[in-house]
C-alpha atoms as a PDB file:
ATOM      1  CA  UNK A   1      23.039   7.492  34.223  1.00  0.00           C
ATOM      2  CA  UNK A   2      22.629   9.297  31.056  1.00  0.00           C
ATOM      3  CA  UNK A   3      21.219   7.940  27.688  1.00  0.00           C
ATOM      4  CA  UNK A   4      23.050   7.826  24.578  1.00  0.00           C
ATOM      5  CA  UNK A   5      20.539   9.450  22.014  1.00  0.00           C
ATOM      6  CA  UNK A   6      21.815   7.975  18.101  1.00  0.00           C
ATOM      7  CA  UNK A   7      21.742  10.536  15.548  1.00  0.00           C
ATOM      8  CA  UNK A   8      18.897   8.369  13.817  1.00  0.00           C
ATOM      9  CA  UNK A   9      16.805   8.100  16.776  1.00  0.00           C
ATOM     10  CA  UNK A  10      17.088  11.873  17.445  1.00  0.00           C
ATOM     11  CA  UNK A  11      16.208  12.585  13.778  1.00  0.00           C
ATOM     12  CA  UNK A  12      13.414  10.147  13.658  1.00  0.00           C
ATOM     13  CA  UNK A  13      11.934  11.745  17.015  1.00  0.00           C
ATOM     14  CA  UNK A  14      11.943  15.535  14.996  1.00  0.00           C
ATOM     15  CA  UNK A  15       9.878  13.788  12.078  1.00  0.00           C
ATOM     16  CA  UNK A  16       7.365  11.847  14.473  1.00  0.00           C
ATOM     17  CA  UNK A  17       6.246  15.048  16.474  1.00  0.00           C
ATOM     18  CA  UNK A  18       3.164  15.414  13.990  1.00  0.00           C
ATOM     19  CA  UNK A  19      -0.029  13.694  15.404  1.00  0.00           C
ATOM     20  CA  UNK A  20      -0.811  10.630  14.426  1.00  0.00           C
ATOM     21  CA  UNK A  21      -4.481  12.145  13.023  1.00  0.00           C
ATOM     22  CA  UNK A  22      -2.120  13.702  10.122  1.00  0.00           C
ATOM     23  CA  UNK A  23      -2.136   9.982   8.754  1.00  0.00           C
ATOM     24  CA  UNK A  24      -4.510   9.297   5.859  1.00  0.00           C
ATOM     25  CA  UNK A  25      -6.695   7.034   4.053  1.00  0.00           C
ATOM     26  CA  UNK A  26      -8.089   6.234   0.931  1.00  0.00           C
ATOM     27  CA  UNK A  27     -11.268   8.291   1.067  1.00  0.00           C
ATOM     28  CA  UNK A  28     -12.045   7.912  -2.763  1.00  0.00           C
ATOM     29  CA  UNK A  29     -11.861   5.655  -5.917  1.00  0.00           C
ATOM     30  CA  UNK A  30     -12.201   7.019  -9.343  1.00  0.00           C
ATOM     31  CA  UNK A  31     -12.417   4.136 -11.811  1.00  0.00           C
ATOM     32  CA  UNK A  32     -14.138   4.445 -15.283  1.00  0.00           C
ATOM     33  CA  UNK A  33     -14.465   7.954 -14.666  1.00  0.00           C
ATOM     34  CA  UNK A  34     -17.091   7.535 -11.876  1.00  0.00           C
ATOM     35  CA  UNK A  35     -16.384   8.470  -8.337  1.00  0.00           C
ATOM     36  CA  UNK A  36     -16.745   5.904  -5.345  1.00  0.00           C
ATOM     37  CA  UNK A  37     -16.479   7.293  -2.138  1.00  0.00           C
ATOM     38  CA  UNK A  38     -15.044   5.684   1.075  1.00  0.00           C
ATOM     39  CA  UNK A  39     -15.639   6.195   4.697  1.00  0.00           C
ATOM     40  CA  UNK A  40     -13.345   5.597   7.050  1.00  0.00           C
ATOM     41  CA  UNK A  41     -11.183   2.451   8.168  1.00  0.00           C
ATOM     42  CA  UNK A  42     -12.428   2.691  11.478  1.00  0.00           C
ATOM     43  CA  UNK A  43     -15.552   0.643  11.564  1.00  0.00           C
ATOM     44  CA  UNK A  44     -15.080  -2.757  13.726  1.00  0.00           C
ATOM     45  CA  UNK A  45     -17.964  -1.908  16.094  1.00  0.00           C
ATOM     46  CA  UNK A  46     -21.721  -0.696  15.214  1.00  0.00           C
ATOM     47  CA  UNK A  47     -23.395  -0.926  11.922  1.00  0.00           C
ATOM     48  CA  UNK A  48     -20.786  -0.539   9.135  1.00  0.00           C
ATOM     49  CA  UNK A  49     -21.518   1.377   5.993  1.00  0.00           C
ATOM     50  CA  UNK A  50     -21.535  -0.437   2.370  1.00  0.00           C
ATOM     51  CA  UNK A  51     -18.348   0.264   0.807  1.00  0.00           C
ATOM     52  CA  UNK A  52     -15.994  -1.408  -1.227  1.00  0.00           C
ATOM     53  CA  UNK A  53     -12.597  -0.601   1.249  1.00  0.00           C
ATOM     54  CA  UNK A  54     -12.070  -2.915   3.860  1.00  0.00           C
ATOM     55  CA  UNK A  55     -12.815  -1.848   7.616  1.00  0.00           C
ATOM     56  CA  UNK A  56     -10.203  -2.221  10.344  1.00  0.00           C
ATOM     57  CA  UNK A  57      -9.775  -1.281  14.115  1.00  0.00           C
ATOM     58  CA  UNK A  58      -7.968   1.460  13.250  1.00  0.00           C
ATOM     59  CA  UNK A  59      -9.407   4.785  14.931  1.00  0.00           C
ATOM     60  CA  UNK A  60      -5.993   6.790  15.040  1.00  0.00           C
ATOM     61  CA  UNK A  61      -5.286   6.023  11.689  1.00  0.00           C
ATOM     62  CA  UNK A  62      -2.210   4.806  12.858  1.00  0.00           C
ATOM     63  CA  UNK A  63       0.359   2.222  11.084  1.00  0.00           C
ATOM     64  CA  UNK A  64       1.359  -1.534  11.021  1.00  0.00           C
ATOM     65  CA  UNK A  65       4.809  -1.858  12.220  1.00  0.00           C
ATOM     66  CA  UNK A  66       7.892  -3.255  10.537  1.00  0.00           C
ATOM     67  CA  UNK A  67       8.255  -5.732  13.350  1.00  0.00           C
ATOM     68  CA  UNK A  68       4.304  -7.088  12.822  1.00  0.00           C
ATOM     69  CA  UNK A  69       5.029  -8.218   8.918  1.00  0.00           C
ATOM     70  CA  UNK A  70       4.816 -11.956   9.299  1.00  0.00           C
ATOM     71  CA  UNK A  71       1.143 -11.065  11.441  1.00  0.00           C
ATOM     72  CA  UNK A  72      -2.291 -10.808  10.233  1.00  0.00           C
ATOM     73  CA  UNK A  73      -2.634  -7.018  10.316  1.00  0.00           C
ATOM     74  CA  UNK A  74       0.083  -6.479   7.818  1.00  0.00           C
ATOM     75  CA  UNK A  75      -2.307  -7.580   5.444  1.00  0.00           C
ATOM     76  CA  UNK A  76      -5.177  -5.248   5.230  1.00  0.00           C
ATOM     77  CA  UNK A  77      -4.303  -3.495   8.458  1.00  0.00           C
ATOM     78  CA  UNK A  78      -5.398  -4.064  12.105  1.00  0.00           C
ATOM     79  CA  UNK A  79      -8.160  -6.553  12.633  1.00  0.00           C
ATOM     80  CA  UNK A  80      -9.400  -6.043   9.053  1.00  0.00           C
ATOM     81  CA  UNK A  81     -12.539  -7.260   7.483  1.00  0.00           C
ATOM     82  CA  UNK A  82     -13.682  -7.340   3.973  1.00  0.00           C
ATOM     83  CA  UNK A  83     -15.887  -4.413   2.312  1.00  0.00           C
ATOM     84  CA  UNK A  84     -19.203  -5.757   1.849  1.00  0.00           C
ATOM     85  CA  UNK A  85     -18.962  -3.772  -2.180  1.00  0.00           C
ATOM     86  CA  UNK A  86     -17.285  -3.843  -5.166  1.00  0.00           C
ATOM     87  CA  UNK A  87     -16.137  -1.360  -7.583  1.00  0.00           C
ATOM     88  CA  UNK A  88     -16.868  -2.229 -11.103  1.00  0.00           C
ATOM     89  CA  UNK A  89     -13.522  -2.042 -13.131  1.00  0.00           C
ATOM     90  CA  UNK A  90     -12.431  -2.397 -16.534  1.00  0.00           C
ATOM     91  CA  UNK A  91      -9.143  -4.035 -17.459  1.00  0.00           C
ATOM     92  CA  UNK A  92      -6.475  -2.397 -18.617  1.00  0.00           C
ATOM     93  CA  UNK A  93      -7.606   0.900 -17.384  1.00  0.00           C
ATOM     94  CA  UNK A  94      -6.462   3.163 -14.564  1.00  0.00           C
ATOM     95  CA  UNK A  95      -7.837   3.557 -11.504  1.00  0.00           C
ATOM     96  CA  UNK A  96      -7.215   6.799  -9.032  1.00  0.00           C
ATOM     97  CA  UNK A  97      -6.998   6.597  -5.466  1.00  0.00           C
ATOM     98  CA  UNK A  98      -7.250   9.181  -3.348  1.00  0.00           C
ATOM     99  CA  UNK A  99      -5.872   9.525   0.211  1.00  0.00           C
ATOM    100  CA  UNK A 100      -7.549  11.966   2.722  1.00  0.00           C
ATOM    101  CA  UNK A 101      -3.709  13.747   3.731  1.00  0.00           C
ATOM    102  CA  UNK A 102       0.022  12.567   3.833  1.00  0.00           C
ATOM    103  CA  UNK A 103       2.594  14.280   6.002  1.00  0.00           C
ATOM    104  CA  UNK A 104       5.520  15.504   4.081  1.00  0.00           C
ATOM    105  CA  UNK A 105       7.831  13.511   6.387  1.00  0.00           C
ATOM    106  CA  UNK A 106       6.270  10.375   6.000  1.00  0.00           C
ATOM    107  CA  UNK A 107       9.059   9.561   3.013  1.00  0.00           C
ATOM    108  CA  UNK A 108       8.898   6.196   0.904  1.00  0.00           C
ATOM    109  CA  UNK A 109       7.316   4.048  -1.558  1.00  0.00           C
ATOM    110  CA  UNK A 110       3.894   3.274  -2.560  1.00  0.00           C
ATOM    111  CA  UNK A 111       3.261  -0.353  -3.526  1.00  0.00           C
ATOM    112  CA  UNK A 112       0.195  -2.093  -5.060  1.00  0.00           C
ATOM    113  CA  UNK A 113      -0.855  -5.618  -5.281  1.00  0.00           C
ATOM    114  CA  UNK A 114      -3.749  -7.714  -6.371  1.00  0.00           C
ATOM    115  CA  UNK A 115      -5.347 -10.837  -5.056  1.00  0.00           C
ATOM    116  CA  UNK A 116      -7.854 -13.135  -6.591  1.00  0.00           C
ATOM    117  CA  UNK A 117     -11.249 -13.695  -4.400  1.00  0.00           C
ATOM    118  CA  UNK A 118     -11.498 -17.743  -4.002  1.00  0.00           C
ATOM    119  CA  UNK A 119     -15.585 -18.336  -4.866  1.00  0.00           C
ATOM    120  CA  UNK A 120     -15.795 -15.260  -6.518  1.00  0.00           C
ATOM    121  CA  UNK A 121     -17.242 -13.174  -3.355  1.00  0.00           C
ATOM    122  CA  UNK A 122     -14.640 -10.723  -1.905  1.00  0.00           C
ATOM    123  CA  UNK A 123     -16.729  -9.365   0.660  1.00  0.00           C
ATOM    124  CA  UNK A 124     -16.633 -13.307   2.193  1.00  0.00           C
ATOM    125  CA  UNK A 125     -12.835 -13.607   1.881  1.00  0.00           C
ATOM    126  CA  UNK A 126     -10.816 -14.524   4.679  1.00  0.00           C
ATOM    127  CA  UNK A 127      -8.105 -12.540   4.341  1.00  0.00           C
ATOM    128  CA  UNK A 128      -5.103 -15.401   5.074  1.00  0.00           C
ATOM    129  CA  UNK A 129      -6.225 -17.050   2.069  1.00  0.00           C
ATOM    130  CA  UNK A 130      -5.375 -14.316  -0.705  1.00  0.00           C
ATOM    131  CA  UNK A 131      -2.219 -13.978  -2.264  1.00  0.00           C
ATOM    132  CA  UNK A 132      -0.834 -11.295  -3.735  1.00  0.00           C
ATOM    133  CA  UNK A 133       0.759 -10.460  -6.920  1.00  0.00           C
ATOM    134  CA  UNK A 134       2.371  -7.007  -7.110  1.00  0.00           C
ATOM    135  CA  UNK A 135       1.084  -4.837 -10.004  1.00  0.00           C
ATOM    136  CA  UNK A 136       2.598  -1.628  -9.393  1.00  0.00           C
ATOM    137  CA  UNK A 137       6.266   0.103  -7.136  1.00  0.00           C
ATOM    138  CA  UNK A 138       7.530   3.164  -7.427  1.00  0.00           C
ATOM    139  CA  UNK A 139      10.351   4.070  -4.598  1.00  0.00           C
ATOM    140  CA  UNK A 140      13.167   6.708  -4.876  1.00  0.00           C
ATOM    141  CA  UNK A 141      12.598   9.175  -7.226  1.00  0.00           C
ATOM    142  CA  UNK A 142      16.005  11.116  -5.975  1.00  0.00           C
ATOM    143  CA  UNK A 143      18.221  10.048  -3.548  1.00  0.00           C
ATOM    144  CA  UNK A 144      20.953  12.995  -4.179  1.00  0.00           C
ATOM    145  CA  UNK A 145      19.777  14.970  -1.000  1.00  0.00           C
ATOM    146  CA  UNK A 146      18.677  13.345   2.119  1.00  0.00           C
ATOM    147  CA  UNK A 147      15.934  12.240   3.040  1.00  0.00           C
ATOM    148  CA  UNK A 148      15.282  12.015  -0.686  1.00  0.00           C
ATOM    149  CA  UNK A 149      11.765  12.652  -2.696  1.00  0.00           C
ATOM    150  CA  UNK A 150      10.160   8.967  -2.557  1.00  0.00           C
ATOM    151  CA  UNK A 151       6.879   7.987  -4.424  1.00  0.00           C
ATOM    152  CA  UNK A 152       4.634   9.341  -1.431  1.00  0.00           C
ATOM    153  CA  UNK A 153       6.344  12.712  -2.001  1.00  0.00           C
ATOM    154  CA  UNK A 154       5.017  12.661  -5.761  1.00  0.00           C
ATOM    155  CA  UNK A 155       1.827  11.276  -4.213  1.00  0.00           C
ATOM    156  CA  UNK A 156       1.306  14.435  -2.364  1.00  0.00           C
ATOM    157  CA  UNK A 157       2.745  16.567  -4.840  1.00  0.00           C
ATOM    158  CA  UNK A 158      -0.322  14.934  -7.104  1.00  0.00           C
ATOM    159  CA  UNK A 159      -3.280  16.037  -4.165  1.00  0.00           C
ATOM    160  CA  UNK A 160      -2.824  12.731  -2.569  1.00  0.00           C
ATOM    161  CA  UNK A 161      -3.640  10.656  -5.481  1.00  0.00           C
ATOM    162  CA  UNK A 162      -2.265   7.499  -7.216  1.00  0.00           C
ATOM    163  CA  UNK A 163      -2.748   6.279 -10.289  1.00  0.00           C
ATOM    164  CA  UNK A 164      -2.849   2.307 -10.616  1.00  0.00           C
ATOM    165  CA  UNK A 165      -3.302   0.342 -13.929  1.00  0.00           C
ATOM    166  CA  UNK A 166      -5.315  -3.001 -13.794  1.00  0.00           C
ATOM    167  CA  UNK A 167      -3.452  -5.432 -15.503  1.00  0.00           C
ATOM    168  CA  UNK A 168      -5.192  -5.911 -19.066  1.00  0.00           C
ATOM    169  CA  UNK A 169      -4.897  -9.990 -18.965  1.00  0.00           C
ATOM    170  CA  UNK A 170      -6.713 -10.824 -15.640  1.00  0.00           C
ATOM    171  CA  UNK A 171     -11.017 -11.085 -15.130  1.00  0.00           C
ATOM    172  CA  UNK A 172     -12.648 -11.582 -12.003  1.00  0.00           C
ATOM    173  CA  UNK A 173     -12.928 -10.933  -8.180  1.00  0.00           C
ATOM    174  CA  UNK A 174      -9.889  -9.232  -6.842  1.00  0.00           C
ATOM    175  CA  UNK A 175      -8.758  -7.427  -3.801  1.00  0.00           C
ATOM    176  CA  UNK A 176      -6.464  -4.407  -4.590  1.00  0.00           C
ATOM    177  CA  UNK A 177      -3.652  -4.162  -1.650  1.00  0.00           C
ATOM    178  CA  UNK A 178      -2.482  -0.341  -1.888  1.00  0.00           C
ATOM    179  CA  UNK A 179       0.130   0.436   0.436  1.00  0.00           C
ATOM    180  CA  UNK A 180       2.531   3.125   1.338  1.00  0.00           C
ATOM    181  CA  UNK A 181       5.427   2.531   3.622  1.00  0.00           C
ATOM    182  CA  UNK A 182       6.996   5.820   5.876  1.00  0.00           C
ATOM    183  CA  UNK A 183      10.764   5.117   6.086  1.00  0.00           C
ATOM    184  CA  UNK A 184      11.303   8.153   8.750  1.00  0.00           C
ATOM    185  CA  UNK A 185      12.250   5.883  11.384  1.00  0.00           C
ATOM    186  CA  UNK A 186      12.883   2.886   9.701  1.00  0.00           C
ATOM    187  CA  UNK A 187      17.273   3.245  10.259  1.00  0.00           C
ATOM    188  CA  UNK A 188      16.214   1.351  13.689  1.00  0.00           C
ATOM    189  CA  UNK A 189      15.370  -1.855  13.531  1.00  0.00           C
ATOM    190  CA  UNK A 190      11.255  -2.138  13.363  1.00  0.00           C
ATOM    191  CA  UNK A 191      10.629   1.617  12.575  1.00  0.00           C
ATOM    192  CA  UNK A 192       9.305   0.937   9.150  1.00  0.00           C
ATOM    193  CA  UNK A 193       5.944   2.102   9.486  1.00  0.00           C
ATOM    194  CA  UNK A 194       3.326   0.354   6.743  1.00  0.00           C
ATOM    195  CA  UNK A 195       0.099   1.923   5.838  1.00  0.00           C
ATOM    196  CA  UNK A 196      -1.867  -0.576   3.841  1.00  0.00           C
ATOM    197  CA  UNK A 197      -5.345  -0.412   2.313  1.00  0.00           C
ATOM    198  CA  UNK A 198      -7.400  -2.923   0.656  1.00  0.00           C
ATOM    199  CA  UNK A 199     -10.125  -2.769  -1.722  1.00  0.00           C
ATOM    200  CA  UNK A 200     -12.820  -5.228  -3.320  1.00  0.00           C
ATOM    201  CA  UNK A 201     -12.648  -4.794  -7.193  1.00  0.00           C
ATOM    202  CA  UNK A 202     -15.013  -6.675  -9.806  1.00  0.00           C
ATOM    203  CA  UNK A 203     -12.633  -6.487 -12.729  1.00  0.00           C
ATOM    204  CA  UNK A 204     -14.158  -7.238 -16.477  1.00  0.00           C
ATOM    205  CA  UNK A 205     -13.408  -7.368 -20.078  1.00  0.00           C
ATOM    206  CA  UNK A 206      -9.907  -8.911 -19.786  1.00  0.00           C
ATOM    207  CA  UNK A 207      -8.180 -11.928 -20.266  1.00  0.00           C
ATOM    208  CA  UNK A 208      -8.356 -15.204 -18.200  1.00  0.00           C
ATOM    209  CA  UNK A 209      -4.983 -15.168 -16.626  1.00  0.00           C
ATOM    210  CA  UNK A 210      -4.160 -16.564 -13.901  1.00  0.00           C
ATOM    211  CA  UNK A 211      -1.140 -14.986 -12.458  1.00  0.00           C
ATOM    212  CA  UNK A 212      -0.423 -17.401  -9.599  1.00  0.00           C
ATOM    213  CA  UNK A 213      -0.517 -20.631 -11.833  1.00  0.00           C
ATOM    214  CA  UNK A 214       1.482 -18.900 -14.677  1.00  0.00           C
ATOM    215  CA  UNK A 215       4.673 -17.857 -12.737  1.00  0.00           C
ATOM    216  CA  UNK A 216       4.041 -14.695 -10.498  1.00  0.00           C
ATOM    217  CA  UNK A 217       5.762 -14.353  -7.060  1.00  0.00           C
ATOM    218  CA  UNK A 218       2.532 -14.742  -5.484  1.00  0.00           C
ATOM    219  CA  UNK A 219       2.585 -14.445  -1.532  1.00  0.00           C
ATOM    220  CA  UNK A 220      -0.003 -14.598   1.452  1.00  0.00           C
ATOM    221  CA  UNK A 221       0.092 -10.555   2.782  1.00  0.00           C
ATOM    222  CA  UNK A 222       1.903 -11.913   5.563  1.00  0.00           C
ATOM    223  CA  UNK A 223       4.886 -13.409   3.778  1.00  0.00           C
ATOM    224  CA  UNK A 224       5.202  -9.902   1.376  1.00  0.00           C
ATOM    225  CA  UNK A 225       8.317  -8.095   3.593  1.00  0.00           C
ATOM    226  CA  UNK A 226      10.821  -8.582   6.301  1.00  0.00           C
ATOM    227  CA  UNK A 227      11.877  -6.741   9.527  1.00  0.00           C
ATOM    228  CA  UNK A 228      15.443  -7.306   7.774  1.00  0.00           C
ATOM    229  CA  UNK A 229      14.516  -6.349   4.380  1.00  0.00           C
ATOM    230  CA  UNK A 230      16.971  -3.704   3.036  1.00  0.00           C
ATOM    231  CA  UNK A 231      14.099  -1.355   2.321  1.00  0.00           C
ATOM    232  CA  UNK A 232      12.689  -2.056   5.160  1.00  0.00           C
ATOM    233  CA  UNK A 233      15.238  -1.531   7.163  1.00  0.00           C
ATOM    234  CA  UNK A 234      17.082   1.920   5.871  1.00  0.00           C
ATOM    235  CA  UNK A 235      18.618   5.005   6.982  1.00  0.00           C
ATOM    236  CA  UNK A 236      17.179   7.461   4.519  1.00  0.00           C
ATOM    237  CA  UNK A 237      18.903  10.241   6.544  1.00  0.00           C
ATOM    238  CA  UNK A 238      22.138  10.171   3.896  1.00  0.00           C
ATOM    239  CA  UNK A 239      22.741  10.328   0.495  1.00  0.00           C
ATOM    240  CA  UNK A 240      21.388   6.956  -1.575  1.00  0.00           C
ATOM    241  CA  UNK A 241      22.272   6.341  -5.230  1.00  0.00           C
ATOM    242  CA  UNK A 242      19.205   3.440  -4.970  1.00  0.00           C
ATOM    243  CA  UNK A 243      16.667   1.803  -3.072  1.00  0.00           C
ATOM    244  CA  UNK A 244      15.202  -1.510  -3.033  1.00  0.00           C
ATOM    245  CA  UNK A 245      11.252  -1.830  -2.926  1.00  0.00           C
ATOM    246  CA  UNK A 246      10.053  -4.218  -0.612  1.00  0.00           C
ATOM    247  CA  UNK A 247       8.167  -7.119  -1.656  1.00  0.00           C
ATOM    248  CA  UNK A 248       8.213  -9.615  -4.541  1.00  0.00           C
ATOM    249  CA  UNK A 249       8.948  -8.290  -8.291  1.00  0.00           C
ATOM    250  CA  UNK A 250       6.372  -7.126 -10.432  1.00  0.00           C
ATOM    251  CA  UNK A 251       4.474  -9.653 -11.874  1.00  0.00           C
ATOM    252  CA  UNK A 252       6.130 -10.511 -15.558  1.00  0.00           C
ATOM    253  CA  UNK A 253       2.524 -10.499 -17.315  1.00  0.00           C
ATOM    254  CA  UNK A 254       2.300  -7.030 -16.956  1.00  0.00           C
ATOM    255  CA  UNK A 255       3.290  -4.762 -19.781  1.00  0.00           C
ATOM    256  CA  UNK A 256       6.563  -2.945 -19.629  1.00  0.00           C
ATOM    257  CA  UNK A 257       5.245   0.245 -17.890  1.00  0.00           C
ATOM    258  CA  UNK A 258       7.087   1.772 -14.357  1.00  0.00           C
ATOM    259  CA  UNK A 259       4.817   3.187 -12.009  1.00  0.00           C
ATOM    260  CA  UNK A 260       7.125   5.507 -11.369  1.00  0.00           C
ATOM    261  CA  UNK A 261       6.317   6.914 -14.973  1.00  0.00           C
ATOM    262  CA  UNK A 262       2.967   6.537 -14.618  1.00  0.00           C
ATOM    263  CA  UNK A 263       3.162   8.557 -11.353  1.00  0.00           C
ATOM    264  CA  UNK A 264       4.555  11.410 -13.018  1.00  0.00           C
ATOM    265  CA  UNK A 265       2.620  11.499 -15.944  1.00  0.00           C
END
């Protein structure tokens, strides 16, 4: 019997040809003018290096599929455990997250969240207990020609660097959840690919705001998105005039500053 291959599936297969080793991770963070190197996230076994980035059982630098968006693996990646240290950051300052690489076929949004660590020690936090509020996002930049220009493309053009501003109104110990969602196969249910990275931050010099107690749309990591969300299940191989970035709205307590503008500054 002859099988039928949809145009979306055929296109997805073509763009999926690059090896999974081409997928990157955040290997360095620049905060306050200081560089903090991070080892790869694949340290489930053996002695772990001292770092702020979380560890994960992710030896192929692979993804978490959208069919698993309601599972623990989407929080900070597969079998993730907290980093052992925290990066000191001034509230209101911008930090640079440096990805090792990113495939130019993997178009999609770049999103950042914060979650306060209960008890003040992010190295011992249970990932399932974290409540995330969104602090930055950027999605479709130009959809006039398929597959479009997305935040991931801007990241590539910026030498793999994403700049995120930490809210000026918070102080304390937080987990930064930074994520790229690849949409090259998202035309089929379960085809979107998430690449979440989590990094411990110690924020100082800010206000005493508690976003989750003051109206922010705070959610557990496994409740940030659904497989059927319009920004998750989407065919990018067509002309698009808009794109709905997955997840909750950006916390309204932030100053009005578009992540897209800061990305292109």
